[in-house]
Amino acid sequence: MQPLQYYIGLMSGTSMDGIDAVLATLSGTEWQGVSAHAFIAYPDELKQHLLALQTPAHNELARAALLAQQLAQLNAQAVSAVLSHAQIKPETITALGCHGQTVRHTPQQHYSIQLMDWALLAELTGITTVGDFRSRDLAAGGQGAPLVPAFHQAVFASTQQSRVVLNLGGIANISVLPPSQPAFGFDTGPANMLMDAWVQLHWQQQYDHNGTLASNGQIIVSLLQSMLSDAYFAQPYPKSTGRDLFSLNWLNHYLSGRENPADVLRTLLELTAQTAVSAIISAAPHTECVYVCGGGSQNMLLMQTLRQLLSRHHITLHTTDALQLPAQLVEAAAFAWLAACWYQRQPVATHFATGAAGARIPGCGYWA
């Protein structure tokens, strides 16, 4: 067994709510666990500026560069916070892995933009910094996402049981973990992203706590069927998606404008649940257990809906807390692990999920 080393993982997903930072312990690339966590919320103004970069606009190159610097400052604060919680010094950290903030994802044109000034983050923290995790996979012909199925296999796989990890972030994605076989996965469609945008538009709240607002609505069957007809859901994997497709503009295409907002919200929740479950049954019909991670695990109505749909196929539903990694920490933990793989020069089999030509060492590093 190799000596134990500390790594930090930093993640902000398509929900754009803030930065999760975790302190992880590894032996080489063998996962040992998380010992500390911190969260830094995005200021509202920053989030609006990031959302504005989703579409072409005046002077966007300069705006993007300045936002990347601001994001580096916030990520450095997250690093400082997690170090403070753990009461350890920066020099004890082998490396940190920082995903950056996705603002464009267009794999069909072979690019995906994660905004971050990784060099500045290395300067601010004094820690070897690994970022730009998607570019090598894209260069090798992959989608660049999802990158986490290989991590899920390293941490959650069973030699006895067919499992699926369902990440409910802004976008929903699955990692299929067959016993003694390589993991694969793909984005199933929207998760929190559309629901959050609708809640912010109509209730001026950041999100629907526990699904309370959606519980006041009824499913609009015709709307649900129309949305389910989108070509993305029938597209074969490997596939990945983001705000470039599933935006309020996409939703408005299906609305008459006369719908009750609570009904639309309940229908969006049903869309998330049905597309995720359909993808699981289609891609992994022998699944015995689904383990949920991400912010959507906190939406009790969404979890209840998923549980009911999965039970029809005799599949049980849990959160990753049952596997000793809290649901809110999984994605940040993945980038601590990917940083360790980069540091140890260990190729990662992301290609089973992304469609790349083979395993590659993802990431670029800035030595402390």
Protein backbone atom coordinates (compact mmCIF):
# COMPACT_ATOMS: atom_id res chain seq x y z
CA MET A 1 0.00 0.00 0.00
CA GLN A 2 1.34 3.41 -0.98
CA PRO A 3 1.61 6.23 1.61
CA LEU A 4 -1.54 8.21 2.33
CA GLN A 5 -1.81 11.57 0.60
CA TYR A 6 -4.27 14.45 0.83
CA TYR A 7 -6.04 15.84 -2.24
CA ILE A 8 -8.69 18.56 -2.59
CA GLY A 9 -11.55 18.38 -5.09
CA LEU A 10 -13.44 21.47 -6.27
CA MET A 11 -16.67 21.37 -8.24
CA SER A 12 -19.37 23.73 -9.43
CA GLY A 13 -21.96 22.16 -11.70
CA THR A 14 -24.50 23.40 -14.21
CA SER A 15 -26.79 24.57 -11.40
CA MET A 16 -24.24 27.36 -10.79
CA ASP A 17 -25.11 27.66 -7.10
CA GLY A 18 -21.55 27.64 -5.78
CA ILE A 19 -18.40 25.63 -5.11
CA ASP A 20 -18.14 22.39 -3.19
CA ALA A 21 -14.68 21.62 -1.80
CA VAL A 22 -13.71 18.30 -0.24
CA LEU A 23 -10.55 17.07 1.41
CA ALA A 24 -9.91 13.46 0.39
CA THR A 25 -7.34 10.88 1.40
CA LEU A 26 -5.90 8.47 -1.16
CA SER A 27 -3.21 5.82 -1.29
CA GLY A 28 -1.87 6.26 -4.80
CA THR A 29 -5.19 6.31 -6.66
CA GLU A 30 -6.95 4.06 -4.15
CA TRP A 31 -9.80 5.90 -2.46
CA GLN A 32 -9.71 6.17 1.34
CA GLY A 33 -12.45 8.72 2.08
CA VAL A 34 -13.43 12.35 2.68
CA SER A 35 -12.50 14.08 5.93
CA ALA A 36 -13.69 17.68 5.42
CA HIS A 37 -16.09 19.73 3.28
CA ALA A 38 -16.73 23.40 2.59
CA PHE A 39 -19.17 25.28 0.37
CA ILE A 40 -18.83 28.79 -1.07
CA ALA A 41 -22.02 30.20 -2.62
CA TYR A 42 -21.88 32.20 -5.83
CA PRO A 43 -22.93 35.84 -5.46
CA ASP A 44 -26.09 36.50 -7.49
CA GLU A 45 -24.27 39.00 -9.73
CA LEU A 46 -21.58 36.43 -10.60
CA LYS A 47 -24.19 33.83 -11.48
CA GLN A 48 -25.97 36.26 -13.80
CA HIS A 49 -22.70 37.11 -15.54
CA LEU A 50 -21.93 33.40 -15.98
CA LEU A 51 -25.39 32.70 -17.37
CA ALA A 52 -24.95 35.57 -19.82
CA LEU A 53 -21.92 33.77 -21.28
CA GLN A 54 -24.20 30.94 -22.40
CA THR A 55 -24.99 32.93 -25.53
CA PRO A 56 -22.73 35.02 -27.81
CA ALA A 57 -22.55 38.69 -26.84
CA HIS A 58 -20.37 41.80 -27.06
CA ASN A 59 -16.82 41.60 -25.63
CA GLU A 60 -17.34 38.09 -24.30
CA LEU A 61 -13.63 37.13 -24.46
CA ALA A 62 -12.65 39.88 -22.03
CA ARG A 63 -15.69 39.19 -19.84
CA ALA A 64 -14.83 35.49 -19.72
CA ALA A 65 -11.22 36.17 -18.76
CA LEU A 66 -12.24 38.48 -15.91
CA LEU A 67 -14.85 35.99 -14.67
CA ALA A 68 -12.23 33.23 -14.72
CA GLN A 69 -10.09 35.33 -12.39
CA GLN A 70 -13.06 35.92 -10.08
CA LEU A 71 -13.81 32.20 -10.05
CA ALA A 72 -10.20 31.47 -9.12
CA GLN A 73 -10.53 33.82 -6.15
CA LEU A 74 -13.71 32.06 -4.97
CA ASN A 75 -12.19 28.61 -5.43
CA ALA A 76 -9.18 29.73 -3.42
CA GLN A 77 -11.60 30.77 -0.65
CA ALA A 78 -13.14 27.28 -0.80
CA VAL A 79 -9.69 25.71 -0.47
CA SER A 80 -8.91 27.93 2.51
CA ALA A 81 -12.22 27.02 4.14
CA VAL A 82 -11.76 23.26 3.78
CA LEU A 83 -8.19 23.49 5.07
CA SER A 84 -9.44 25.48 8.06
CA HIS A 85 -12.13 22.88 8.79
CA ALA A 86 -9.54 20.12 8.68
CA GLN A 87 -6.96 22.20 10.57
CA ILE A 88 -4.15 21.36 8.15
CA LYS A 89 -1.76 23.50 6.11
CA PRO A 90 -1.60 23.90 2.31
CA GLU A 91 1.80 22.24 2.10
CA THR A 92 0.29 18.95 3.30
CA ILE A 93 -1.88 18.75 0.14
CA THR A 94 -0.39 16.77 -2.74
CA ALA A 95 -2.61 18.41 -5.39
CA LEU A 96 -6.06 19.86 -5.95
CA GLY A 97 -8.42 19.09 -8.80
CA CYS A 98 -10.70 21.89 -10.00
CA HIS A 99 -13.32 21.27 -12.69
CA GLY A 100 -14.11 24.94 -13.42
CA GLN A 101 -17.49 26.36 -14.37
CA THR A 102 -19.01 25.01 -17.58
CA VAL A 103 -20.39 27.83 -19.72
CA ARG A 104 -20.56 26.07 -23.11
CA HIS A 105 -20.74 22.36 -23.93
CA THR A 106 -20.91 21.46 -27.61
CA PRO A 107 -19.29 18.03 -28.03
CA GLN A 108 -20.62 17.66 -31.57
CA GLN A 109 -18.21 20.47 -32.45
CA HIS A 110 -15.49 18.99 -30.20
CA TYR A 111 -15.34 21.68 -27.55
CA SER A 112 -16.48 22.26 -24.01
CA ILE A 113 -15.58 25.41 -22.07
CA GLN A 114 -14.94 25.28 -18.33
CA LEU A 115 -14.19 28.76 -17.09
CA MET A 116 -11.31 28.99 -14.60
CA ASP A 117 -7.89 30.63 -14.23
CA TRP A 118 -6.08 27.51 -12.98
CA ALA A 119 -2.68 29.23 -12.99
CA LEU A 120 -4.03 31.95 -10.70
CA LEU A 121 -5.61 29.32 -8.44
CA ALA A 122 -2.21 27.65 -8.08
CA GLU A 123 -0.66 31.00 -7.18
CA LEU A 124 -3.37 31.84 -4.66
CA THR A 125 -3.32 28.47 -2.90
CA GLY A 126 0.32 27.46 -3.20
CA ILE A 127 -0.94 23.96 -4.11
CA THR A 128 -0.27 21.97 -7.29
CA THR A 129 -3.43 22.58 -9.32
CA VAL A 130 -4.96 20.25 -11.90
CA GLY A 131 -7.71 21.44 -14.24
CA ASP A 132 -8.94 21.33 -17.84
CA PHE A 133 -10.11 17.74 -17.38
CA ARG A 134 -12.28 17.49 -20.50
CA SER A 135 -9.94 18.61 -23.29
CA ARG A 136 -7.89 15.42 -23.61
CA ASP A 137 -11.02 13.28 -23.86
CA LEU A 138 -12.48 15.59 -26.51
CA ALA A 139 -9.20 15.48 -28.43
CA ALA A 140 -9.41 11.68 -28.39
CA GLY A 141 -12.86 11.81 -30.00
CA GLY A 142 -14.94 11.69 -26.82
CA GLN A 143 -17.80 13.81 -25.52
CA GLY A 144 -15.67 15.21 -22.68
CA ALA A 145 -18.45 14.18 -20.27
CA PRO A 146 -19.50 12.53 -18.11
CA LEU A 147 -16.08 11.97 -16.53
CA VAL A 148 -17.26 10.52 -13.23
CA PRO A 149 -18.32 6.92 -14.06
CA ALA A 150 -14.72 5.71 -13.65
CA PHE A 151 -14.62 7.31 -10.19
CA HIS A 152 -17.99 5.82 -9.29
CA GLN A 153 -16.65 2.41 -10.24
CA ALA A 154 -13.53 2.91 -8.11
CA VAL A 155 -15.61 3.86 -5.06
CA PHE A 156 -19.10 2.35 -5.41
CA ALA A 157 -18.86 -0.80 -7.56
CA SER A 158 -19.79 -4.23 -6.21
CA THR A 159 -18.58 -7.62 -7.42
CA GLN A 160 -21.95 -9.10 -6.43
CA GLN A 161 -24.54 -6.53 -7.47
CA SER A 162 -25.47 -4.51 -10.57
CA ARG A 163 -25.61 -0.87 -9.51
CA VAL A 164 -26.32 2.49 -11.09
CA VAL A 165 -25.22 5.84 -9.67
CA LEU A 166 -27.66 8.60 -10.64
CA ASN A 167 -26.26 12.11 -10.33
CA LEU A 168 -28.98 14.76 -10.07
CA GLY A 169 -27.15 18.02 -10.60
CA GLY A 170 -28.21 20.63 -13.11
CA ILE A 171 -28.14 17.77 -15.61
CA ALA A 172 -28.94 14.16 -14.72
CA ASN A 173 -26.41 11.48 -15.62
CA ILE A 174 -26.01 7.82 -14.84
CA SER A 175 -23.00 5.60 -14.20
CA VAL A 176 -23.71 1.94 -14.86
CA LEU A 177 -21.59 -0.33 -12.66
CA PRO A 178 -21.86 -3.97 -13.77
CA PRO A 179 -20.03 -6.48 -11.58
CA SER A 180 -16.45 -7.03 -12.81
CA GLN A 181 -16.93 -5.00 -15.99
CA PRO A 182 -15.95 -1.43 -16.96
CA ALA A 183 -18.34 1.32 -15.93
CA PHE A 184 -20.11 3.38 -18.57
CA GLY A 185 -22.65 6.19 -18.45
CA PHE A 186 -24.21 9.22 -20.09
CA ASP A 187 -26.36 12.29 -19.49
CA THR A 188 -30.05 11.34 -19.37
CA GLY A 189 -31.44 14.90 -19.63
CA PRO A 190 -32.28 17.82 -17.34
CA ALA A 191 -32.38 17.43 -13.56
CA ASN A 192 -32.45 20.55 -11.39
CA MET A 193 -31.50 23.04 -14.08
CA LEU A 194 -34.90 23.59 -15.70
CA MET A 195 -36.80 23.30 -12.41
CA ASP A 196 -34.51 25.86 -10.74
CA ALA A 197 -34.83 28.30 -13.65
CA TRP A 198 -38.63 28.00 -13.57
CA VAL A 199 -38.75 28.53 -9.79
CA GLN A 200 -36.51 31.59 -10.05
CA LEU A 201 -38.70 33.02 -12.80
CA HIS A 202 -42.07 32.52 -11.07
CA TRP A 203 -41.35 32.45 -7.33
CA GLN A 204 -38.05 34.38 -7.12
CA GLN A 205 -36.53 31.54 -5.09
CA GLN A 206 -33.27 29.76 -5.89
CA TYR A 207 -34.85 26.30 -5.95
CA ASP A 208 -37.89 24.28 -4.87
CA HIS A 209 -37.05 23.19 -1.33
CA ASN A 210 -38.09 19.53 -0.86
CA GLY A 211 -40.26 19.78 -3.98
CA THR A 212 -42.89 21.71 -2.00
CA LEU A 213 -43.89 24.00 -4.87
CA ALA A 214 -44.09 21.13 -7.35
CA SER A 215 -46.26 19.15 -4.93
CA ASN A 216 -48.94 21.84 -5.37
CA GLY A 217 -49.13 21.14 -9.10
CA GLN A 218 -50.47 18.44 -11.38
CA ILE A 219 -48.69 16.71 -14.25
CA ILE A 220 -49.69 18.18 -17.62
CA VAL A 221 -49.71 14.97 -19.63
CA SER A 222 -49.70 16.65 -23.04
CA LEU A 223 -46.74 18.85 -22.07
CA LEU A 224 -44.84 15.87 -20.68
CA GLN A 225 -45.38 13.85 -23.85
CA SER A 226 -44.29 16.77 -26.02
CA MET A 227 -41.05 17.24 -24.07
CA LEU A 228 -40.36 13.51 -24.08
CA SER A 229 -40.45 13.62 -27.88
CA ASP A 230 -37.24 15.67 -27.98
CA ALA A 231 -34.65 13.86 -30.09
CA TYR A 232 -32.04 13.91 -27.32
CA PHE A 233 -33.88 11.32 -25.24
CA ALA A 234 -33.94 8.78 -28.09
CA GLN A 235 -30.34 9.49 -29.11
CA PRO A 236 -27.99 6.54 -28.49
CA TYR A 237 -25.14 6.94 -26.03
CA PRO A 238 -22.41 8.05 -25.62
CA LYS A 239 -24.07 11.42 -25.24
CA SER A 240 -23.89 14.50 -23.04
CA THR A 241 -25.80 17.74 -22.80
CA GLY A 242 -26.20 20.98 -20.85
CA ARG A 243 -27.70 24.47 -20.89
CA ASP A 244 -26.91 24.74 -24.60
CA LEU A 245 -29.98 22.53 -25.12
CA PHE A 246 -32.10 22.41 -21.96
CA SER A 247 -32.77 26.09 -21.30
CA LEU A 248 -35.92 28.10 -20.63
CA ASN A 249 -35.99 28.79 -24.37
CA TRP A 250 -36.26 25.04 -24.93
CA LEU A 251 -39.10 24.82 -22.41
CA ASN A 252 -40.96 27.83 -23.83
CA HIS A 253 -41.10 26.08 -27.18
CA TYR A 254 -43.55 23.60 -25.61
CA LEU A 255 -45.65 26.09 -23.61
CA SER A 256 -48.78 27.96 -24.64
CA GLY A 257 -48.30 30.55 -21.88
CA ARG A 258 -51.60 29.66 -20.21
CA GLU A 259 -50.26 26.90 -17.97
CA ASN A 260 -50.33 27.07 -14.18
CA PRO A 261 -46.68 27.56 -13.03
CA ALA A 262 -46.98 24.86 -10.34
CA ASP A 263 -48.29 22.41 -12.93
CA VAL A 264 -45.34 23.13 -15.22
CA LEU A 265 -42.93 22.63 -12.32
CA ARG A 266 -44.51 19.29 -11.39
CA THR A 267 -44.29 18.23 -15.04
CA LEU A 268 -40.61 19.18 -15.22
CA LEU A 269 -39.97 17.05 -12.14
CA GLU A 270 -41.76 14.15 -13.81
CA LEU A 271 -39.66 14.69 -16.95
CA THR A 272 -36.46 14.38 -14.91
CA ALA A 273 -37.65 11.22 -13.17
CA GLN A 274 -39.07 9.47 -16.24
CA THR A 275 -36.09 10.16 -18.50
CA ALA A 276 -33.63 8.99 -15.84
CA VAL A 277 -35.53 5.79 -15.12
CA SER A 278 -36.10 5.08 -18.81
CA ALA A 279 -32.38 5.45 -19.45
CA ILE A 280 -31.54 3.08 -16.58
CA ILE A 281 -33.96 0.40 -17.75
CA SER A 282 -32.78 0.69 -21.35
CA ALA A 283 -29.02 0.77 -20.70
CA ALA A 284 -28.85 -1.39 -17.58
CA PRO A 285 -31.86 -3.74 -17.41
CA HIS A 286 -30.24 -5.92 -14.74
CA THR A 287 -29.86 -3.07 -12.24
CA GLU A 288 -30.64 -4.04 -8.65
CA CYS A 289 -29.93 -0.76 -6.82
CA VAL A 290 -29.76 2.90 -7.79
CA TYR A 291 -27.70 5.27 -5.63
CA VAL A 292 -28.45 8.98 -5.99
CA CYS A 293 -26.00 11.85 -5.53
CA GLY A 294 -26.11 15.58 -6.26
CA GLY A 295 -28.43 18.37 -5.16
CA GLY A 296 -31.54 16.61 -6.47
CA SER A 297 -31.15 14.03 -3.69
CA GLN A 298 -32.49 16.74 -1.36
CA ASN A 299 -35.75 17.07 -3.33
CA MET A 300 -38.05 14.70 -1.46
CA LEU A 301 -40.77 14.73 -4.12
CA LEU A 302 -38.26 13.89 -6.84
CA MET A 303 -36.83 11.06 -4.75
CA GLN A 304 -40.34 9.76 -4.02
CA THR A 305 -41.22 9.84 -7.72
CA LEU A 306 -38.01 8.02 -8.67
CA ARG A 307 -38.60 5.40 -5.98
CA GLN A 308 -42.10 4.71 -7.26
CA LEU A 309 -40.99 4.42 -10.90
CA LEU A 310 -38.03 2.17 -10.05
CA SER A 311 -40.06 -0.08 -7.77
CA ARG A 312 -42.10 -1.18 -10.81
CA HIS A 313 -38.88 -2.78 -12.05
CA HIS A 314 -37.95 -4.19 -8.60
CA ILE A 315 -35.07 -1.72 -8.25
CA THR A 316 -34.34 -0.12 -4.88
CA LEU A 317 -33.34 3.53 -4.43
CA HIS A 318 -30.82 4.94 -1.96
CA THR A 319 -28.46 7.89 -1.73
CA THR A 320 -24.70 7.39 -1.83
CA ASP A 321 -24.69 8.10 1.90
CA ALA A 322 -25.46 4.38 2.20
CA LEU A 323 -22.06 3.75 0.58
CA GLN A 324 -20.20 6.06 2.99
CA LEU A 325 -19.93 9.08 0.69
CA PRO A 326 -22.54 11.84 1.24
CA ALA A 327 -24.59 12.63 -1.85
CA GLN A 328 -23.62 16.30 -1.91
CA LEU A 329 -19.88 15.54 -1.93
CA VAL A 330 -19.60 12.96 -4.70
CA GLU A 331 -18.80 15.22 -7.66
CA ALA A 332 -16.19 17.26 -5.80
CA ALA A 333 -14.69 14.00 -4.50
CA ALA A 334 -14.42 12.78 -8.10
CA PHE A 335 -12.11 15.67 -8.97
CA ALA A 336 -9.88 14.97 -5.99
CA TRP A 337 -9.56 11.42 -7.36
CA LEU A 338 -8.93 12.64 -10.91
CA ALA A 339 -6.22 14.96 -9.57
CA ALA A 340 -4.61 11.93 -7.93
CA CYS A 341 -4.77 10.02 -11.23
CA TRP A 342 -3.04 12.94 -12.97
CA TYR A 343 -0.39 13.18 -10.23
CA GLN A 344 0.24 9.41 -10.34
CA ARG A 345 0.18 9.41 -14.19
CA GLN A 346 -2.63 6.86 -14.14
CA PRO A 347 -4.80 6.69 -17.28
CA VAL A 348 -8.54 6.84 -16.56
CA ALA A 349 -11.07 4.74 -18.47
CA THR A 350 -13.46 7.61 -19.19
CA HIS A 351 -13.82 6.37 -22.77
CA PHE A 352 -16.45 3.78 -21.85
CA ALA A 353 -18.75 6.72 -21.02
CA THR A 354 -17.55 9.38 -23.43
CA GLY A 355 -16.74 7.39 -26.56
CA ALA A 356 -13.10 8.52 -26.71
CA ALA A 357 -10.52 6.35 -28.47
CA GLY A 358 -9.21 4.93 -25.21
CA ALA A 359 -8.10 5.63 -21.66
CA ARG A 360 -6.23 8.89 -21.21
CA ILE A 361 -4.72 10.89 -18.33
CA PRO A 362 -7.22 13.77 -18.03
CA GLY A 363 -6.17 17.20 -16.88
CA CYS A 364 -3.37 19.76 -17.11
CA GLY A 365 -1.31 20.76 -14.09
CA TYR A 366 0.35 23.81 -12.57
CA TRP A 367 3.03 22.77 -10.11
CA ALA A 368 3.16 24.62 -6.81
